[in-house]
Amino acid sequence: MSRETSSILIYGICETPSILWDAHKNNPNDIGINRQYICLDNDLLTLRIGSRGWLEVKSEQLLQFQSDRDLNTFTKEMLFSKVNAFNKPIKNALISYLAWAEHECLKISESGLSNNLDPLFAKAGQLFFSVFLPLPHPKIPVSDKEGQFIGVANFDLGFCINGKVYLLTFSEGQFIRKTERDLRRKLFETSKRFVFQDLSKPQNNNVFDKVFISQLLNTIPTLKEFIPKKGLPHGIYYPEYLEFNP
């Protein structure tokens, strides 16, 4: 993807995306993911809940967690904190997706499939960190040929899986401003890695909205294939002394 157009995905609540675009443009060697944006230069980019960078947990914070369930609850709360308080459809989408994901993790942990996994990571609470990371409020900056910021194409929910960037909205045919349509058109003309789909608004549900999840899985079938073939994310804590260069 051309850096002239965009090479980052901003996620969460952000009212000044141009500042993040300029910060990235002034530091073109940054890679990976941080708490505000994701570099999209990696052609095989895949982000899971256990991916490093979007959430940092320090060793002293671990003392507040008594179990995997506590750590999972904290992780979900951090995701919900990135949703605008007045945007109920996105919150409902996260509720449904995460409830569905936990249900799938439980099924896998109780099935014969778990026999092929390291016993330390075969429990549902650990499998949860392999689930693909949902990105609320994804925004893709659009720039001119000189790299000057024009605006951002806004969406409701996103995923980065195997180099594809899935961008979802829940507009249900509602009016979209011409400026937003133009920005999306410019974005989609630059790269085929972006996959866009408008889904029905997810409903608030104690478990998960089956209609919404069905639409979501039909749009992104790979969401069901979240168990990696090699290695498993161990969690959201990455101690410094475990870093190494292969």
Protein backbone atom coordinates (compact mmCIF):
# COMPACT_ATOMS: atom_id res chain seq x y z
CA MET A 1 0.00 0.00 0.00
CA SER A 2 1.33 3.42 -0.88
CA ARG A 3 2.52 5.54 2.02
CA GLU A 4 1.34 8.59 0.05
CA THR A 5 -2.24 7.53 0.68
CA SER A 6 -2.22 5.94 4.10
CA SER A 7 -0.24 3.45 6.07
CA ILE A 8 -1.94 3.52 9.45
CA LEU A 9 -5.28 2.58 10.98
CA ILE A 10 -6.35 4.78 13.88
CA TYR A 11 -8.71 3.07 16.31
CA GLY A 12 -10.68 3.98 19.40
CA ILE A 13 -11.87 7.46 20.35
CA CYS A 14 -9.81 10.07 18.51
CA GLU A 15 -10.84 13.63 17.67
CA THR A 16 -7.50 14.74 16.15
CA PRO A 17 -6.45 12.02 13.67
CA SER A 18 -4.32 14.51 11.72
CA ILE A 19 -1.92 14.72 14.68
CA LEU A 20 -1.43 10.95 14.66
CA TRP A 21 -0.94 10.99 10.89
CA ASP A 22 1.76 13.66 11.21
CA ALA A 23 3.41 11.76 14.07
CA HIS A 24 3.59 8.64 11.94
CA LYS A 25 4.77 10.53 8.86
CA ASN A 26 7.59 12.08 10.91
CA ASN A 27 8.60 8.64 12.18
CA PRO A 28 8.27 6.39 9.11
CA ASN A 29 10.26 3.57 10.72
CA ASP A 30 7.66 2.84 13.41
CA ILE A 31 6.12 -0.58 13.06
CA GLY A 32 3.45 -2.68 14.68
CA ILE A 33 0.69 -1.41 16.90
CA ASN A 34 0.38 1.05 19.76
CA ARG A 35 -2.54 2.28 21.84
CA GLN A 36 -3.73 4.70 19.17
CA TYR A 37 -2.88 3.40 15.72
CA ILE A 38 -1.63 0.44 13.72
CA CYS A 39 0.96 0.51 10.95
CA LEU A 40 -0.40 -1.29 7.90
CA ASP A 41 2.89 -1.83 6.08
CA ASN A 42 3.03 -5.51 7.05
CA ASP A 43 1.50 -7.45 4.15
CA LEU A 44 0.70 -10.38 6.49
CA LEU A 45 -0.61 -8.30 9.38
CA THR A 46 -2.77 -10.27 11.81
CA LEU A 47 -3.91 -8.84 15.13
CA ARG A 48 -5.19 -10.95 18.00
CA ILE A 49 -6.36 -10.01 21.46
CA GLY A 50 -3.02 -11.30 22.71
CA SER A 51 -1.00 -9.24 20.21
CA ARG A 52 1.54 -6.97 21.77
CA GLY A 53 1.19 -3.19 21.72
CA TRP A 54 -2.50 -2.29 21.83
CA LEU A 55 -2.59 -2.86 25.58
CA GLU A 56 0.33 -2.81 27.97
CA VAL A 57 0.22 -4.44 31.38
CA LYS A 58 3.03 -3.91 33.87
CA SER A 59 4.24 -6.59 36.24
CA GLU A 60 2.84 -4.81 39.30
CA GLN A 61 -0.61 -4.73 37.70
CA LEU A 62 -0.68 -8.52 37.54
CA LEU A 63 -1.16 -8.64 41.30
CA GLN A 64 -4.76 -7.45 40.91
CA PHE A 65 -5.71 -10.50 38.83
CA GLN A 66 -6.60 -13.70 40.65
CA SER A 67 -7.42 -15.81 37.59
CA ASP A 68 -7.57 -15.91 33.79
CA ARG A 69 -11.19 -14.82 34.08
CA ASP A 70 -10.11 -11.61 35.85
CA LEU A 71 -7.51 -10.93 33.17
CA ASN A 72 -10.02 -11.57 30.39
CA THR A 73 -12.55 -9.25 32.05
CA PHE A 74 -9.92 -6.52 32.29
CA THR A 75 -9.02 -6.99 28.62
CA LYS A 76 -12.66 -6.66 27.56
CA GLU A 77 -13.08 -3.55 29.71
CA MET A 78 -10.10 -1.96 27.94
CA LEU A 79 -11.73 -2.66 24.59
CA PHE A 80 -15.03 -1.17 25.73
CA SER A 81 -13.18 1.93 26.96
CA LYS A 82 -12.24 2.64 23.34
CA VAL A 83 -15.91 2.96 22.32
CA ASN A 84 -17.67 6.32 22.37
CA ALA A 85 -20.16 6.26 25.24
CA PHE A 86 -22.99 7.37 22.92
CA ASN A 87 -22.35 4.75 20.24
CA LYS A 88 -24.51 1.85 21.34
CA PRO A 89 -24.27 -0.20 18.08
CA ILE A 90 -20.49 -0.51 18.36
CA LYS A 91 -20.73 -1.45 22.03
CA ASN A 92 -23.36 -4.07 21.20
CA ALA A 93 -21.16 -5.38 18.39
CA LEU A 94 -18.27 -5.86 20.83
CA ILE A 95 -20.56 -7.53 23.38
CA SER A 96 -21.84 -9.99 20.79
CA TYR A 97 -18.46 -10.69 19.23
CA LEU A 98 -16.65 -11.26 22.52
CA ALA A 99 -19.48 -13.41 23.91
CA TRP A 100 -19.40 -15.50 20.73
CA ALA A 101 -15.60 -15.77 20.92
CA GLU A 102 -15.67 -16.94 24.54
CA HIS A 103 -18.33 -19.50 23.63
CA GLU A 104 -16.11 -20.81 20.82
CA CYS A 105 -13.08 -20.97 23.12
CA LEU A 106 -15.07 -23.02 25.61
CA LYS A 107 -16.20 -25.44 22.90
CA ILE A 108 -12.63 -25.92 21.69
CA SER A 109 -11.26 -26.41 25.20
CA GLU A 110 -13.85 -29.12 25.86
CA SER A 111 -13.41 -30.88 22.52
CA GLY A 112 -10.81 -33.16 21.03
CA LEU A 113 -9.29 -30.19 19.23
CA SER A 114 -7.62 -29.14 22.46
CA ASN A 115 -5.54 -32.32 22.38
CA ASN A 116 -3.45 -30.75 19.63
CA LEU A 117 -2.59 -27.73 21.78
CA ASP A 118 -0.08 -27.16 24.52
CA PRO A 119 -1.95 -28.10 27.73
CA LEU A 120 -0.86 -24.81 29.31
CA PHE A 121 -2.76 -22.86 26.67
CA ALA A 122 -5.67 -25.20 25.89
CA LYS A 123 -8.07 -23.77 28.47
CA ALA A 124 -10.79 -21.39 27.33
CA GLY A 125 -9.33 -18.45 29.27
CA GLN A 126 -6.02 -18.80 27.44
CA LEU A 127 -7.55 -19.52 24.03
CA PHE A 128 -9.34 -16.17 24.35
CA PHE A 129 -6.06 -14.36 23.64
CA SER A 130 -5.85 -16.04 20.22
CA VAL A 131 -9.16 -14.50 19.14
CA PHE A 132 -8.81 -11.83 16.46
CA LEU A 133 -8.71 -8.32 17.91
CA PRO A 134 -11.82 -6.19 17.24
CA LEU A 135 -10.95 -2.56 16.52
CA PRO A 136 -13.70 -0.08 17.44
CA HIS A 137 -13.99 3.21 15.52
CA PRO A 138 -11.35 2.38 12.87
CA LYS A 139 -10.26 5.40 10.85
CA ILE A 140 -8.00 5.31 7.80
CA PRO A 141 -6.21 8.61 6.99
CA VAL A 142 -6.34 9.72 3.39
CA SER A 143 -3.62 12.03 2.06
CA ASP A 144 -2.75 13.74 -1.22
CA LYS A 145 0.22 12.88 -3.45
CA GLU A 146 2.49 15.03 -1.28
CA GLY A 147 1.46 13.13 1.83
CA GLN A 148 -0.59 16.00 3.22
CA PHE A 149 -3.52 14.95 5.37
CA ILE A 150 -6.94 15.30 3.66
CA GLY A 151 -9.20 13.51 6.12
CA VAL A 152 -10.12 10.09 7.47
CA ALA A 153 -12.50 7.45 6.20
CA ASN A 154 -14.57 6.44 9.24
CA PHE A 155 -15.97 3.01 10.03
CA ASP A 156 -17.54 1.29 13.05
CA LEU A 157 -15.53 -1.89 13.55
CA GLY A 158 -12.39 -3.36 12.03
CA PHE A 159 -10.19 -6.46 11.97
CA CYS A 160 -6.70 -7.08 10.58
CA ILE A 161 -6.33 -10.71 9.47
CA ASN A 162 -3.72 -12.18 7.13
CA GLY A 163 -2.95 -8.84 5.57
CA LYS A 164 -6.59 -7.96 4.92
CA VAL A 165 -8.13 -4.96 6.66
CA TYR A 166 -11.84 -5.56 7.23
CA LEU A 167 -13.88 -2.37 7.74
CA LEU A 168 -17.49 -2.64 8.88
CA THR A 169 -20.30 -0.14 9.35
CA PHE A 170 -23.75 -0.46 10.90
CA SER A 171 -25.55 2.29 8.98
CA GLU A 172 -28.48 0.18 7.68
CA GLY A 173 -28.84 2.47 4.69
CA GLN A 174 -28.74 5.69 6.66
CA PHE A 175 -27.55 8.83 4.87
CA ILE A 176 -23.78 9.17 4.55
CA ARG A 177 -22.26 12.57 3.84
CA LYS A 178 -20.71 13.09 0.41
CA THR A 179 -17.34 13.96 1.96
CA GLU A 180 -17.31 10.61 3.77
CA ARG A 181 -18.29 8.73 0.60
CA ASP A 182 -15.51 10.48 -1.32
CA LEU A 183 -12.90 9.63 1.32
CA ARG A 184 -13.95 5.98 1.30
CA ARG A 185 -13.83 5.91 -2.50
CA LYS A 186 -10.30 7.36 -2.51
CA LEU A 187 -9.25 4.80 0.08
CA PHE A 188 -10.64 1.76 -1.73
CA GLU A 189 -9.10 2.90 -5.01
CA THR A 190 -5.61 2.74 -3.50
CA SER A 191 -5.50 -0.87 -2.34
CA LYS A 192 -7.36 -4.14 -2.62
CA ARG A 193 -6.43 -5.13 0.93
CA PHE A 194 -9.41 -3.20 2.32
CA VAL A 195 -12.66 -5.17 2.59
CA PHE A 196 -15.77 -3.11 3.34
CA GLN A 197 -19.23 -4.30 4.36
CA ASP A 198 -22.27 -2.67 5.93
CA LEU A 199 -24.04 -4.93 8.45
CA SER A 200 -27.29 -4.60 10.35
CA LYS A 201 -27.06 -2.95 13.75
CA PRO A 202 -26.35 -5.54 16.47
CA GLN A 203 -28.92 -5.74 19.20
CA ASN A 204 -28.26 -5.68 22.92
CA ASN A 205 -28.33 -9.30 24.09
CA ASN A 206 -27.33 -11.18 27.23
CA VAL A 207 -25.37 -13.75 25.20
CA PHE A 208 -24.85 -12.58 21.61
CA ASP A 209 -26.95 -11.40 18.71
CA LYS A 210 -27.07 -14.51 16.51
CA VAL A 211 -28.25 -12.59 13.45
CA PHE A 212 -25.37 -10.13 13.71
CA ILE A 213 -22.80 -12.86 14.37
CA SER A 214 -24.08 -14.81 11.36
CA GLN A 215 -23.64 -11.73 9.15
CA LEU A 216 -20.22 -11.06 10.64
CA LEU A 217 -18.97 -14.61 10.04
CA ASN A 218 -20.36 -14.63 6.51
CA THR A 219 -18.42 -11.42 5.82
CA ILE A 220 -15.21 -12.59 7.55
CA PRO A 221 -15.18 -16.42 7.59
CA THR A 222 -11.61 -16.45 8.92
CA LEU A 223 -12.87 -15.18 12.29
CA LYS A 224 -13.77 -18.80 13.03
CA GLU A 225 -10.17 -19.90 12.38
CA PHE A 226 -8.54 -18.00 15.22
CA ILE A 227 -6.43 -20.87 16.60
CA PRO A 228 -2.97 -20.26 15.08
CA LYS A 229 -1.13 -23.16 13.46
CA LYS A 230 2.10 -22.19 15.18
CA GLY A 231 2.31 -20.84 18.71
CA LEU A 232 -0.39 -19.34 20.89
CA PRO A 233 -0.55 -15.83 22.38
CA HIS A 234 0.14 -16.34 26.07
CA GLY A 235 -1.78 -13.26 27.23
CA ILE A 236 -1.44 -9.49 27.30
CA TYR A 237 1.62 -9.31 29.56
CA TYR A 238 4.98 -9.20 27.82
CA PRO A 239 7.86 -8.97 30.31
CA GLU A 240 10.94 -7.21 28.98
CA TYR A 241 13.30 -10.05 29.81
CA LEU A 242 11.43 -12.44 27.52
CA GLU A 243 12.21 -10.38 24.45
CA PHE A 244 14.55 -11.99 21.96
CA ASN A 245 15.52 -11.78 18.31
CA PRO A 246 15.18 -15.07 16.43
